């Protein structure tokens, strides 16, 4: 095999390996962020369910004054 061709192929392999490692890091960060966001959504859904069950929906209709007046 031609030495110049081998060198070019080795450079391409090194570049591709680096790209795969960088993409793997990005995916790992996104997975962690998605897990954190999913947990936050679960917490917010639980809070909203508790508020609805308590009957304090917090929706003000028309000219109704909020409870803090």
Protein backbone atom coordinates (compact mmCIF):
# COMPACT_ATOMS: atom_id res chain seq x y z
CA UNK A 1 0.00 0.00 0.00
CA UNK A 2 1.16 3.50 -0.75
CA UNK A 3 2.58 5.32 2.32
CA UNK A 4 0.79 8.56 1.46
CA UNK A 5 -2.52 6.74 1.17
CA UNK A 6 -1.95 4.98 4.51
CA UNK A 7 -1.22 8.31 6.16
CA UNK A 8 -4.37 9.85 4.70
CA UNK A 9 -6.48 6.91 5.87
CA UNK A 10 -4.98 7.06 9.37
CA UNK A 11 -5.79 10.78 9.54
CA UNK A 12 -9.37 10.11 8.47
CA UNK A 13 -9.73 7.36 11.06
CA UNK A 14 -8.34 9.67 13.77
CA UNK A 15 -10.74 12.42 12.74
CA UNK A 16 -13.72 10.05 12.70
CA UNK A 17 -12.75 8.60 16.08
CA UNK A 18 -12.56 12.10 17.57
CA UNK A 19 -15.95 12.99 16.07
CA UNK A 20 -17.56 9.84 17.47
CA UNK A 21 -16.16 10.59 20.95
CA UNK A 22 -17.41 14.19 20.80
CA UNK A 23 -20.87 13.05 19.70
CA UNK A 24 -20.92 10.48 22.48
CA UNK A 25 -20.18 13.23 25.02
CA UNK A 26 -22.97 15.38 23.59
CA UNK A 27 -25.44 12.49 23.80
CA UNK A 28 -24.42 11.77 27.41
CA UNK A 29 -24.98 15.43 28.38
CA UNK A 30 -28.34 15.51 26.61
CA UNK A 31 -29.41 12.30 28.33
CA UNK A 32 -28.57 13.78 31.73
CA UNK A 33 -30.43 16.98 30.91
CA UNK A 34 -33.48 15.08 29.65
CA UNK A 35 -33.54 13.00 32.83
CA UNK A 36 -33.39 16.14 34.96
CA UNK A 37 -36.15 17.81 32.95
CA UNK A 38 -38.35 14.71 33.08
CA UNK A 39 -37.98 14.68 36.87
CA UNK A 40 -38.95 18.37 37.05
CA UNK A 41 -42.03 17.73 34.91
CA UNK A 42 -43.05 14.87 37.24
CA UNK A 43 -42.67 17.14 40.27
CA UNK A 44 -44.73 19.89 38.63
CA UNK A 45 -47.43 17.42 37.57
CA UNK A 46 -47.63 16.08 41.12
CA UNK A 47 -47.91 19.61 42.53
CA UNK A 48 -50.67 20.48 40.07
CA UNK A 49 -52.54 17.27 40.89
CA UNK A 50 -52.31 18.10 44.62
CA UNK A 51 -53.56 21.63 43.98
CA UNK A 52 -56.48 20.38 41.90
CA UNK A 53 -57.35 17.80 44.55
CA UNK A 54 -57.33 20.51 47.22
CA UNK A 55 -59.79 22.53 45.15
CA UNK A 56 -57.57 25.59 44.89
CA UNK A 57 -57.12 25.61 41.13
CA UNK A 58 -55.88 29.16 41.24
CA UNK A 59 -57.96 30.29 38.25
CA UNK A 60 -59.55 33.71 38.61
CA UNK A 61 -62.72 34.13 36.58
CA UNK A 62 -64.06 37.51 35.47
CA UNK A 63 -64.13 40.18 38.18
CA UNK A 64 -63.50 37.72 40.98
CA UNK A 65 -60.86 38.99 43.38
CA UNK A 66 -57.88 36.79 44.20
CA UNK A 67 -57.87 35.32 47.72
CA UNK A 68 -55.08 37.61 48.93
CA UNK A 69 -57.32 40.77 48.75
